[in-house]
Amino acid sequence: MSLFTVDALLCKGDGRCCQVCPVGIIAMDSKGYPVAVAGAEERCINCGHCVAVCPHGALSLKSMAASDCALLPQGWNLTPPQVELFLKGRRSIRLFKKDIVERAIIERVIDAARYAPSGTNRQPVRWVVVHDTAKVRQIARETIEWMRSLIVEKSSMAESLRFDYLVSGWDAGRDFICRGAPHLVLLYGLKDDMIAPGSCMLAGEYFELAALPHGLGTCWAGYATMALNKWPAAAGIVNISSKCACFAGFLVGYPQNGYARIPLRNEPRITWR
């Protein structure tokens, strides 16, 4: 099978597939049908834009048939006020119920988050779900031990990030690392892949937003993520390859509290050119 096929009975020759191709490998022939240009097989990034843009279902990639791609219903996009409330109403959650989140719910959130953009459609993001609450607690404990070691070394990081406060809080029975969250979701990729860090961050934010309609609370797990990349005892708990790094992590669970108002934030600093 060639890179893509076109159903001549369905194709209207409008050239949309040609227009949206990000790498410019589709042209229109003399009969008004899309064709692959020379070298298209090597240059295609398999993004599926050509399949997605055709309202007639006329074009199918070798890797994805138009019939396998879900149709977007009319009016699927949210209104600006709905989006503004959704984004402004989201809060980082640091108080969680002990209730366990079903695996199927977390999988559904990840399924939505995997559609986050990535450079050249590389899709380098890999996921680890620490579903076992005891292991989440263990990661928090090892993060504290990593912080203790840096305090002893008089590390500038330990001083600037006030690791002494976090460690003393832990010793007093307060978990400022994983906040008592029942689960931890980690996003990682290859260390030498320049696209992986940004892709993980983007997919992570998709995950955080996609979790909200399921009644879940999330919070970036920055301290634990740092420890997983720096402290072997923490990394060993999740068993991520030494060739990889954790670029994003989230505490996940059901929040103890809801929020009734949108707090104030600084005005945006915008420069127009």
Protein backbone atom coordinates (compact mmCIF):
# COMPACT_ATOMS: atom_id res chain seq x y z
CA MET A 1 0.00 0.00 0.00
CA SER A 2 1.25 3.51 -0.83
CA LEU A 3 1.64 6.20 1.82
CA PHE A 4 -2.01 7.14 1.45
CA THR A 5 -5.01 6.20 -0.66
CA VAL A 6 -7.75 8.42 -1.98
CA ASP A 7 -11.32 7.36 -2.65
CA ALA A 8 -12.07 9.08 -5.96
CA LEU A 9 -15.82 8.80 -5.36
CA LEU A 10 -15.56 10.73 -2.09
CA CYS A 11 -12.79 13.20 -2.90
CA LYS A 12 -14.02 16.69 -3.84
CA GLY A 13 -10.61 17.96 -4.92
CA ASP A 14 -10.73 20.87 -2.46
CA GLY A 15 -7.03 20.49 -1.60
CA ARG A 16 -7.48 20.70 2.15
CA CYS A 17 -5.18 17.74 2.76
CA CYS A 18 -2.50 19.44 0.70
CA GLN A 19 -2.91 22.73 2.55
CA VAL A 20 -2.62 21.36 6.10
CA CYS A 21 0.26 18.90 5.60
CA PRO A 22 2.97 20.28 7.93
CA VAL A 23 5.84 18.81 5.90
CA GLY A 24 4.45 19.58 2.44
CA ILE A 25 4.39 16.08 0.98
CA ILE A 26 0.94 16.23 -0.68
CA ALA A 27 0.28 17.87 -4.03
CA MET A 28 -2.74 17.99 -6.33
CA ASP A 29 -2.40 16.22 -9.68
CA SER A 30 -3.77 17.41 -13.02
CA LYS A 31 -7.08 15.68 -12.34
CA GLY A 32 -7.51 17.48 -9.00
CA TYR A 33 -6.69 14.53 -6.74
CA PRO A 34 -4.09 14.52 -3.95
CA VAL A 35 -0.86 12.61 -4.63
CA ALA A 36 2.32 12.03 -2.65
CA VAL A 37 5.38 13.99 -3.76
CA ALA A 38 8.80 12.38 -4.22
CA GLY A 39 10.32 11.29 -0.92
CA ALA A 40 7.00 11.49 0.91
CA GLU A 41 7.43 8.12 2.61
CA GLU A 42 10.61 9.28 4.37
CA ARG A 43 9.33 12.73 5.30
CA CYS A 44 5.85 11.83 6.57
CA ILE A 45 5.54 12.30 10.34
CA ASN A 46 2.28 10.34 10.53
CA CYS A 47 0.42 13.19 12.21
CA GLY A 48 -2.87 12.37 10.48
CA HIS A 49 -3.74 15.99 9.67
CA CYS A 50 -4.58 15.01 6.10
CA VAL A 51 -7.02 12.37 7.33
CA ALA A 52 -8.53 14.62 10.00
CA VAL A 53 -9.15 17.64 7.78
CA CYS A 54 -11.15 15.86 5.08
CA PRO A 55 -14.89 16.15 5.86
CA HIS A 56 -15.66 13.50 3.26
CA GLY A 57 -13.45 10.72 4.60
CA ALA A 58 -11.79 10.42 1.21
CA LEU A 59 -8.15 10.06 2.31
CA SER A 60 -6.62 7.31 4.43
CA LEU A 61 -3.00 6.99 5.48
CA LYS A 62 -1.31 3.62 5.35
CA SER A 63 -1.09 3.84 9.15
CA MET A 64 -4.64 5.07 9.80
CA ALA A 65 -7.86 4.65 7.89
CA ALA A 66 -10.36 7.49 7.88
CA SER A 67 -12.98 5.03 9.15
CA ASP A 68 -10.86 4.33 12.24
CA CYS A 69 -10.64 8.00 13.21
CA ALA A 70 -13.51 9.25 15.38
CA LEU A 71 -15.72 11.97 13.92
CA LEU A 72 -15.92 15.28 15.75
CA PRO A 73 -19.58 16.10 16.43
CA GLN A 74 -20.96 19.49 15.50
CA GLY A 75 -20.50 22.04 18.26
CA TRP A 76 -17.85 19.99 20.06
CA ASN A 77 -15.69 22.99 20.94
CA LEU A 78 -16.36 24.90 24.17
CA THR A 79 -17.34 28.55 24.26
CA PRO A 80 -14.75 31.14 25.40
CA PRO A 81 -16.54 31.72 28.76
CA GLN A 82 -16.60 27.97 29.43
CA VAL A 83 -12.89 27.63 28.69
CA GLU A 84 -12.04 30.66 30.82
CA LEU A 85 -13.94 29.31 33.82
CA PHE A 86 -12.47 25.84 33.36
CA LEU A 87 -8.89 27.11 33.29
CA LYS A 88 -9.27 29.78 35.96
CA GLY A 89 -11.25 27.47 38.25
CA ARG A 90 -8.63 24.70 38.29
CA ARG A 91 -6.67 24.53 41.54
CA SER A 92 -3.59 22.58 42.56
CA ILE A 93 -4.77 20.09 45.17
CA ARG A 94 -2.68 19.36 48.27
CA LEU A 95 -5.28 17.73 50.50
CA PHE A 96 -6.54 14.34 49.32
CA LYS A 97 -9.07 11.81 50.46
CA LYS A 98 -7.73 8.32 51.07
CA ASP A 99 -10.10 6.87 48.49
CA ILE A 100 -8.42 4.88 45.73
CA VAL A 101 -8.96 6.02 42.14
CA GLU A 102 -9.89 3.16 39.84
CA ARG A 103 -7.26 2.27 37.29
CA ALA A 104 -9.80 2.61 34.47
CA ILE A 105 -10.35 6.28 35.34
CA ILE A 106 -6.62 7.07 35.33
CA GLU A 107 -6.25 5.20 32.04
CA ARG A 108 -9.04 7.27 30.53
CA VAL A 109 -7.36 10.51 31.60
CA ILE A 110 -4.05 9.34 30.13
CA ASP A 111 -5.86 8.37 26.93
CA ALA A 112 -6.94 12.00 26.54
CA ALA A 113 -3.53 13.36 27.55
CA ARG A 114 -1.69 11.33 24.92
CA TYR A 115 -3.16 13.67 22.30
CA ALA A 116 -0.99 16.53 23.53
CA PRO A 117 1.25 17.93 20.77
CA SER A 118 4.85 16.84 20.41
CA GLY A 119 7.58 18.05 18.07
CA THR A 120 7.37 16.38 14.63
CA ASN A 121 4.72 14.09 16.12
CA ARG A 122 7.49 12.14 17.86
CA GLN A 123 5.19 11.14 20.75
CA PRO A 124 8.14 10.33 23.04
CA VAL A 125 6.17 10.36 26.29
CA ARG A 126 6.09 7.26 28.49
CA TRP A 127 3.98 6.88 31.61
CA VAL A 128 4.39 5.27 35.02
CA VAL A 129 1.39 5.15 37.33
CA VAL A 130 2.38 4.54 40.94
CA HIS A 131 -1.01 3.23 41.99
CA ASP A 132 0.17 1.59 45.21
CA THR A 133 -0.21 4.22 47.93
CA ALA A 134 2.54 2.58 50.00
CA LYS A 135 4.97 3.10 47.12
CA VAL A 136 3.94 6.75 46.84
CA ARG A 137 4.79 7.12 50.53
CA GLN A 138 8.08 5.34 49.92
CA ILE A 139 8.97 7.79 47.14
CA ALA A 140 8.17 10.68 49.47
CA ARG A 141 10.42 9.17 52.13
CA GLU A 142 13.32 8.69 49.73
CA THR A 143 12.85 12.25 48.46
CA ILE A 144 13.32 13.45 52.03
CA GLU A 145 16.48 11.33 52.37
CA TRP A 146 17.83 12.91 49.18
CA MET A 147 17.10 16.33 50.65
CA ARG A 148 18.87 15.40 53.89
CA SER A 149 21.98 14.45 51.91
CA LEU A 150 22.00 17.81 50.15
CA ILE A 151 21.56 19.67 53.44
CA VAL A 152 24.61 17.85 54.84
CA GLU A 153 26.55 18.79 51.69
CA LYS A 154 25.45 22.42 52.18
CA SER A 155 24.07 22.40 48.64
CA SER A 156 22.95 25.75 47.25
CA MET A 157 19.82 23.99 45.96
CA ALA A 158 18.97 22.81 49.45
CA GLU A 159 19.36 26.33 50.76
CA SER A 160 17.45 28.14 48.02
CA LEU A 161 14.54 25.68 48.05
CA ARG A 162 14.41 25.48 51.86
CA PHE A 163 14.87 21.73 52.07
CA ASP A 164 15.44 22.13 55.82
CA TYR A 165 11.83 23.24 56.20
CA LEU A 166 10.56 20.28 54.19
CA VAL A 167 12.68 17.78 56.10
CA SER A 168 11.73 19.16 59.51
CA GLY A 169 8.09 19.05 58.45
CA TRP A 170 8.44 15.39 57.49
CA ASP A 171 10.08 14.61 60.83
CA ALA A 172 7.13 16.29 62.53
CA GLY A 173 4.66 14.12 60.60
CA ARG A 174 3.81 16.45 57.69
CA ASP A 175 4.27 15.27 54.12
CA PHE A 176 5.12 18.28 51.96
CA ILE A 177 6.40 16.00 49.19
CA CYS A 178 3.45 13.85 48.08
CA ARG A 179 0.86 15.51 50.34
CA GLY A 180 -0.73 12.20 51.28
CA ALA A 181 -1.90 11.64 47.69
CA PRO A 182 -2.92 8.04 47.03
CA HIS A 183 -1.33 7.97 43.56
CA LEU A 184 1.54 9.41 41.58
CA VAL A 185 1.60 9.69 37.78
CA LEU A 186 5.00 10.16 36.13
CA LEU A 187 5.90 11.12 32.57
CA TYR A 188 9.35 10.26 31.28
CA GLY A 189 11.40 9.94 28.12
CA LEU A 190 14.93 9.40 26.83
CA LYS A 191 17.52 11.75 28.30
CA ASP A 192 19.11 12.45 24.91
CA ASP A 193 15.81 13.20 23.16
CA MET A 194 15.57 16.99 22.93
CA ILE A 195 11.84 16.75 22.26
CA ALA A 196 11.04 14.60 25.31
CA PRO A 197 11.14 17.26 28.09
CA GLY A 198 8.72 19.66 26.40
CA SER A 199 6.48 16.84 25.23
CA CYS A 200 6.23 15.45 28.75
CA MET A 201 5.39 18.89 30.13
CA LEU A 202 2.67 19.40 27.51
CA ALA A 203 1.19 15.94 28.04
CA GLY A 204 1.37 16.52 31.78
CA GLU A 205 -0.70 19.67 31.54
CA TYR A 206 -3.19 17.87 29.31
CA PHE A 207 -3.36 15.17 31.99
CA GLU A 208 -3.97 17.70 34.75
CA LEU A 209 -6.80 19.36 32.85
CA ALA A 210 -8.34 16.10 31.63
CA ALA A 211 -8.43 14.83 35.22
CA LEU A 212 -10.65 17.66 36.44
CA PRO A 213 -13.98 16.55 34.88
CA HIS A 214 -13.49 13.14 36.53
CA GLY A 215 -13.57 14.81 39.94
CA LEU A 216 -9.85 14.26 40.44
CA GLY A 217 -7.40 16.63 42.04
CA THR A 218 -3.83 16.95 40.86
CA CYS A 219 -0.68 18.82 41.76
CA TRP A 220 2.73 18.94 40.12
CA ALA A 221 5.09 16.68 42.09
CA GLY A 222 8.23 18.72 41.55
CA TYR A 223 10.23 17.55 44.57
CA ALA A 224 9.56 13.87 43.91
CA THR A 225 10.41 14.31 40.23
CA MET A 226 13.78 15.83 41.11
CA ALA A 227 14.56 13.01 43.51
CA LEU A 228 13.62 10.35 40.98
CA ASN A 229 16.24 11.81 38.64
CA LYS A 230 18.94 12.32 41.28
CA TRP A 231 18.53 9.68 44.01
CA PRO A 232 18.95 6.00 43.00
CA ALA A 233 16.91 4.74 45.96
CA ALA A 234 13.91 6.73 44.72
CA ALA A 235 14.43 5.82 41.06
CA GLY A 236 14.60 2.14 41.95
CA ILE A 237 11.02 2.20 43.21
CA VAL A 238 9.61 3.00 39.75
CA ASN A 239 12.32 1.14 37.80
CA ILE A 240 12.76 3.68 35.01
CA SER A 241 15.69 2.96 32.69
CA SER A 242 18.91 4.85 33.39
CA LYS A 243 18.71 6.08 29.79
CA CYS A 244 15.53 7.97 30.68
CA ALA A 245 14.60 10.91 32.88
CA CYS A 246 11.35 11.86 34.56
CA PHE A 247 10.27 15.21 33.15
CA ALA A 248 6.89 15.63 34.86
CA GLY A 249 4.97 14.10 37.73
CA PHE A 250 1.58 14.60 39.37
CA LEU A 251 -0.02 13.81 42.67
CA VAL A 252 -3.44 12.32 41.94
CA GLY A 253 -6.49 11.61 44.06
CA TYR A 254 -9.89 12.85 45.10
CA PRO A 255 -9.68 16.29 46.75
CA GLN A 256 -10.87 16.84 50.30
CA ASN A 257 -12.17 20.30 49.48
CA GLY A 258 -13.86 22.08 46.61
CA TYR A 259 -13.32 25.73 45.73
CA ALA A 260 -15.93 28.44 45.41
CA ARG A 261 -14.00 31.39 43.99
CA ILE A 262 -11.28 32.27 41.52
CA PRO A 263 -8.28 33.83 43.32
CA LEU A 264 -6.57 36.91 41.93
CA ARG A 265 -3.45 36.64 39.79
CA ASN A 266 -0.97 39.18 38.44
CA GLU A 267 -1.95 40.98 35.29
CA PRO A 268 -0.29 39.51 32.18
CA ARG A 269 2.92 41.21 31.05
CA ILE A 270 2.42 41.63 27.31
CA THR A 271 4.70 43.29 24.81
CA TRP A 272 3.21 44.06 21.40
CA ARG A 273 5.53 44.40 18.44
